[in-house]
Amino acid sequence: MSSPYFYSWKIIALVALLLGVAQSPVWAGGAAATESEEGVLQKGIYVTLDPMIVPVIANGVVQRHLTLQLQLEMRDIESDRRLQKRFPKLVDAFLSELHALLSMRFVREKGVDVEFFRARLMMRADALLGEGAIKEIFVLGIDKREPAGARG
């Protein structure tokens, strides 16, 4: 004897399967590449990074935290494979670059210049993965927040 609750979960699972929600993602969960009989047909390979939280430090004190949500568009499958092998190094390079940028007085005073940040991150990615491996870096979101107990 099955309850109506059990049937509702079956229906939800079936709808999710039909809509493609239950498909297994490519390595990082952000790729939109599909395979065909001729090989790999690229619609685009996108890798969404976990949010990066960078402290903004002035005079030895954390003034605020900057959280960035980034998505990378890879040039091709080979570039994606290179990223897979060097992913931790790329994230570390991005965090190091953001921390360095935010420690500069002129950047802190001017504020977040998204294009400037993207260009600097692209330079780091090109140095690590090879020029053009990443076609585009998309900034999906930026959040600034004061740490608890921060003094203005």
C-alpha atoms as a PDB file:
ATOM      1  CA  MET A   1       0.000   0.000   0.000  1.00  0.00           C
ATOM      2  CA  SER A   2       1.602   3.250  -1.169  1.00  0.00           C
ATOM      3  CA  SER A   3       0.776   6.687   0.111  1.00  0.00           C
ATOM      4  CA  PRO A   4      -0.072   9.695  -2.096  1.00  0.00           C
ATOM      5  CA  TYR A   5       3.155  11.251  -0.812  1.00  0.00           C
ATOM      6  CA  PHE A   6       5.157   8.445  -2.457  1.00  0.00           C
ATOM      7  CA  TYR A   7       3.413   9.002  -5.808  1.00  0.00           C
ATOM      8  CA  SER A   8       4.043  12.762  -5.717  1.00  0.00           C
ATOM      9  CA  TRP A   9       7.799  12.144  -5.423  1.00  0.00           C
ATOM     10  CA  LYS A  10       7.632   9.772  -8.383  1.00  0.00           C
ATOM     11  CA  ILE A  11       5.934  12.460 -10.446  1.00  0.00           C
ATOM     12  CA  ILE A  12       8.483  15.104  -9.403  1.00  0.00           C
ATOM     13  CA  ALA A  13      11.356  12.763 -10.274  1.00  0.00           C
ATOM     14  CA  LEU A  14       9.821  11.962 -13.666  1.00  0.00           C
ATOM     15  CA  VAL A  15       9.279  15.652 -14.490  1.00  0.00           C
ATOM     16  CA  ALA A  16      12.869  16.465 -13.429  1.00  0.00           C
ATOM     17  CA  LEU A  17      14.174  13.661 -15.614  1.00  0.00           C
ATOM     18  CA  LEU A  18      12.144  14.844 -18.589  1.00  0.00           C
ATOM     19  CA  LEU A  19      13.326  18.430 -18.133  1.00  0.00           C
ATOM     20  CA  GLY A  20      16.934  17.324 -17.959  1.00  0.00           C
ATOM     21  CA  VAL A  21      17.517  18.369 -14.364  1.00  0.00           C
ATOM     22  CA  ALA A  22      18.738  14.919 -13.461  1.00  0.00           C
ATOM     23  CA  GLN A  23      21.391  14.793 -16.185  1.00  0.00           C
ATOM     24  CA  SER A  24      24.862  14.233 -14.856  1.00  0.00           C
ATOM     25  CA  PRO A  25      26.962  17.357 -15.337  1.00  0.00           C
ATOM     26  CA  VAL A  26      30.346  17.467 -17.003  1.00  0.00           C
ATOM     27  CA  TRP A  27      33.203  17.782 -14.497  1.00  0.00           C
ATOM     28  CA  ALA A  28      32.276  21.119 -12.893  1.00  0.00           C
ATOM     29  CA  GLY A  29      28.532  21.093 -13.356  1.00  0.00           C
ATOM     30  CA  GLY A  30      28.598  24.146 -15.585  1.00  0.00           C
ATOM     31  CA  ALA A  31      29.350  22.726 -18.999  1.00  0.00           C
ATOM     32  CA  ALA A  32      26.757  22.889 -21.723  1.00  0.00           C
ATOM     33  CA  ALA A  33      28.481  20.634 -24.224  1.00  0.00           C
ATOM     34  CA  THR A  34      26.619  17.737 -25.774  1.00  0.00           C
ATOM     35  CA  GLU A  35      27.934  14.688 -27.569  1.00  0.00           C
ATOM     36  CA  SER A  36      26.734  13.525 -30.961  1.00  0.00           C
ATOM     37  CA  GLU A  37      27.663  10.597 -33.178  1.00  0.00           C
ATOM     38  CA  GLU A  38      30.250  12.745 -35.002  1.00  0.00           C
ATOM     39  CA  GLY A  39      31.998  13.628 -31.737  1.00  0.00           C
ATOM     40  CA  VAL A  40      31.513  16.582 -29.496  1.00  0.00           C
ATOM     41  CA  LEU A  41      29.171  19.283 -30.713  1.00  0.00           C
ATOM     42  CA  GLN A  42      29.948  22.400 -28.752  1.00  0.00           C
ATOM     43  CA  LYS A  43      27.226  24.749 -27.694  1.00  0.00           C
ATOM     44  CA  GLY A  44      29.653  26.266 -25.249  1.00  0.00           C
ATOM     45  CA  ILE A  45      31.547  25.094 -22.229  1.00  0.00           C
ATOM     46  CA  TYR A  46      30.822  27.134 -19.129  1.00  0.00           C
ATOM     47  CA  VAL A  47      32.379  26.604 -15.721  1.00  0.00           C
ATOM     48  CA  THR A  48      30.796  28.399 -12.776  1.00  0.00           C
ATOM     49  CA  LEU A  49      33.208  28.941  -9.926  1.00  0.00           C
ATOM     50  CA  ASP A  50      32.241  28.862  -6.282  1.00  0.00           C
ATOM     51  CA  PRO A  51      31.869  32.358  -4.848  1.00  0.00           C
ATOM     52  CA  MET A  52      35.235  33.937  -4.052  1.00  0.00           C
ATOM     53  CA  ILE A  53      35.371  35.899  -0.806  1.00  0.00           C
ATOM     54  CA  VAL A  54      38.225  38.386  -0.593  1.00  0.00           C
ATOM     55  CA  PRO A  55      38.915  40.575   2.445  1.00  0.00           C
ATOM     56  CA  VAL A  56      39.616  44.260   1.776  1.00  0.00           C
ATOM     57  CA  ILE A  57      42.344  45.231   4.228  1.00  0.00           C
ATOM     58  CA  ALA A  58      43.453  48.770   5.050  1.00  0.00           C
ATOM     59  CA  ASN A  59      45.844  49.706   7.854  1.00  0.00           C
ATOM     60  CA  GLY A  60      46.002  46.079   8.961  1.00  0.00           C
ATOM     61  CA  VAL A  61      42.234  45.870   9.513  1.00  0.00           C
ATOM     62  CA  VAL A  62      39.579  44.118   7.437  1.00  0.00           C
ATOM     63  CA  GLN A  63      37.347  46.927   6.224  1.00  0.00           C
ATOM     64  CA  ARG A  64      34.880  44.789   4.277  1.00  0.00           C
ATOM     65  CA  HIS A  65      34.550  41.553   2.329  1.00  0.00           C
ATOM     66  CA  LEU A  66      34.056  41.397  -1.413  1.00  0.00           C
ATOM     67  CA  THR A  67      32.300  38.315  -2.794  1.00  0.00           C
ATOM     68  CA  LEU A  68      32.579  37.618  -6.524  1.00  0.00           C
ATOM     69  CA  GLN A  69      30.660  34.993  -8.479  1.00  0.00           C
ATOM     70  CA  LEU A  70      32.430  34.175 -11.757  1.00  0.00           C
ATOM     71  CA  GLN A  71      31.673  32.000 -14.752  1.00  0.00           C
ATOM     72  CA  LEU A  72      34.278  31.008 -17.346  1.00  0.00           C
ATOM     73  CA  GLU A  73      33.545  30.320 -20.995  1.00  0.00           C
ATOM     74  CA  MET A  74      36.122  27.871 -22.303  1.00  0.00           C
ATOM     75  CA  ARG A  75      37.408  28.000 -25.878  1.00  0.00           C
ATOM     76  CA  ASP A  76      37.141  24.261 -26.532  1.00  0.00           C
ATOM     77  CA  ILE A  77      37.238  20.790 -24.983  1.00  0.00           C
ATOM     78  CA  GLU A  78      41.037  20.775 -24.838  1.00  0.00           C
ATOM     79  CA  SER A  79      41.029  24.060 -22.906  1.00  0.00           C
ATOM     80  CA  ASP A  80      38.457  22.587 -20.528  1.00  0.00           C
ATOM     81  CA  ARG A  81      40.723  19.568 -19.948  1.00  0.00           C
ATOM     82  CA  ARG A  82      43.649  21.865 -19.172  1.00  0.00           C
ATOM     83  CA  LEU A  83      41.432  23.738 -16.724  1.00  0.00           C
ATOM     84  CA  GLN A  84      40.455  20.484 -15.017  1.00  0.00           C
ATOM     85  CA  LYS A  85      44.122  19.668 -14.402  1.00  0.00           C
ATOM     86  CA  ARG A  86      44.961  23.155 -13.132  1.00  0.00           C
ATOM     87  CA  PHE A  87      41.684  24.178 -11.512  1.00  0.00           C
ATOM     88  CA  PRO A  88      43.014  24.629  -7.933  1.00  0.00           C
ATOM     89  CA  LYS A  89      45.939  26.682  -9.259  1.00  0.00           C
ATOM     90  CA  LEU A  90      43.599  28.894 -11.272  1.00  0.00           C
ATOM     91  CA  VAL A  91      41.335  29.558  -8.280  1.00  0.00           C
ATOM     92  CA  ASP A  92      44.422  30.341  -6.177  1.00  0.00           C
ATOM     93  CA  ALA A  93      45.734  32.682  -8.891  1.00  0.00           C
ATOM     94  CA  PHE A  94      42.376  34.466  -9.082  1.00  0.00           C
ATOM     95  CA  LEU A  95      42.170  34.879  -5.299  1.00  0.00           C
ATOM     96  CA  SER A  96      45.769  36.131  -5.138  1.00  0.00           C
ATOM     97  CA  GLU A  97      45.135  38.643  -7.921  1.00  0.00           C
ATOM     98  CA  LEU A  98      41.910  39.908  -6.338  1.00  0.00           C
ATOM     99  CA  HIS A  99      43.584  40.231  -2.943  1.00  0.00           C
ATOM    100  CA  ALA A 100      46.493  42.156  -4.509  1.00  0.00           C
ATOM    101  CA  LEU A 101      44.151  44.456  -6.425  1.00  0.00           C
ATOM    102  CA  LEU A 102      42.016  45.202  -3.389  1.00  0.00           C
ATOM    103  CA  SER A 103      45.085  46.036  -1.302  1.00  0.00           C
ATOM    104  CA  MET A 104      45.933  48.939  -3.638  1.00  0.00           C
ATOM    105  CA  ARG A 105      44.785  52.315  -2.355  1.00  0.00           C
ATOM    106  CA  PHE A 106      43.645  53.612  -5.747  1.00  0.00           C
ATOM    107  CA  VAL A 107      41.452  50.527  -6.250  1.00  0.00           C
ATOM    108  CA  ARG A 108      39.925  50.863  -2.783  1.00  0.00           C
ATOM    109  CA  GLU A 109      39.237  54.558  -3.350  1.00  0.00           C
ATOM    110  CA  LYS A 110      37.903  54.173  -6.892  1.00  0.00           C
ATOM    111  CA  GLY A 111      35.760  51.138  -6.098  1.00  0.00           C
ATOM    112  CA  VAL A 112      35.229  47.943  -8.033  1.00  0.00           C
ATOM    113  CA  ASP A 113      35.884  48.395 -11.754  1.00  0.00           C
ATOM    114  CA  VAL A 114      34.483  45.154 -13.190  1.00  0.00           C
ATOM    115  CA  GLU A 115      36.241  45.507 -16.559  1.00  0.00           C
ATOM    116  CA  PHE A 116      39.592  46.158 -14.896  1.00  0.00           C
ATOM    117  CA  PHE A 117      39.150  43.119 -12.619  1.00  0.00           C
ATOM    118  CA  ARG A 118      38.100  40.915 -15.559  1.00  0.00           C
ATOM    119  CA  ALA A 119      41.140  42.002 -17.592  1.00  0.00           C
ATOM    120  CA  ARG A 120      43.527  41.222 -14.733  1.00  0.00           C
ATOM    121  CA  LEU A 121      41.916  37.826 -14.101  1.00  0.00           C
ATOM    122  CA  MET A 122      42.099  37.045 -17.825  1.00  0.00           C
ATOM    123  CA  MET A 123      45.836  37.831 -17.796  1.00  0.00           C
ATOM    124  CA  ARG A 124      46.326  35.379 -14.922  1.00  0.00           C
ATOM    125  CA  ALA A 125      44.256  32.714 -16.704  1.00  0.00           C
ATOM    126  CA  ASP A 126      46.191  33.180 -19.956  1.00  0.00           C
ATOM    127  CA  ALA A 127      49.491  32.787 -18.089  1.00  0.00           C
ATOM    128  CA  LEU A 128      48.335  29.577 -16.419  1.00  0.00           C
ATOM    129  CA  LEU A 129      46.241  27.875 -19.123  1.00  0.00           C
ATOM    130  CA  GLY A 130      47.609  29.387 -22.324  1.00  0.00           C
ATOM    131  CA  GLU A 131      46.422  32.445 -24.176  1.00  0.00           C
ATOM    132  CA  GLY A 132      42.806  32.240 -25.284  1.00  0.00           C
ATOM    133  CA  ALA A 133      41.949  29.049 -23.351  1.00  0.00           C
ATOM    134  CA  ILE A 134      39.239  31.065 -21.628  1.00  0.00           C
ATOM    135  CA  LYS A 135      37.131  32.987 -24.131  1.00  0.00           C
ATOM    136  CA  GLU A 136      35.323  35.102 -21.579  1.00  0.00           C
ATOM    137  CA  ILE A 137      35.029  35.678 -17.852  1.00  0.00           C
ATOM    138  CA  PHE A 138      31.528  36.620 -16.778  1.00  0.00           C
ATOM    139  CA  VAL A 139      30.930  38.367 -13.469  1.00  0.00           C
ATOM    140  CA  LEU A 140      27.616  36.946 -12.304  1.00  0.00           C
ATOM    141  CA  GLY A 141      27.503  38.886  -9.077  1.00  0.00           C
ATOM    142  CA  ILE A 142      29.415  41.149  -6.717  1.00  0.00           C
ATOM    143  CA  ASP A 143      28.544  41.650  -3.088  1.00  0.00           C
ATOM    144  CA  LYS A 144      30.238  43.946  -0.585  1.00  0.00           C
ATOM    145  CA  ARG A 145      29.627  43.589   3.101  1.00  0.00           C
ATOM    146  CA  GLU A 146      31.036  44.966   6.290  1.00  0.00           C
ATOM    147  CA  PRO A 147      32.475  42.426   8.721  1.00  0.00           C
ATOM    148  CA  ALA A 148      30.852  42.150  12.124  1.00  0.00           C
ATOM    149  CA  GLY A 149      32.184  44.847  14.428  1.00  0.00           C
ATOM    150  CA  ALA A 150      33.808  46.865  11.616  1.00  0.00           C
ATOM    151  CA  ARG A 151      34.657  50.466  12.265  1.00  0.00           C
ATOM    152  CA  GLY A 152      33.983  52.970   9.483  1.00  0.00           C
END
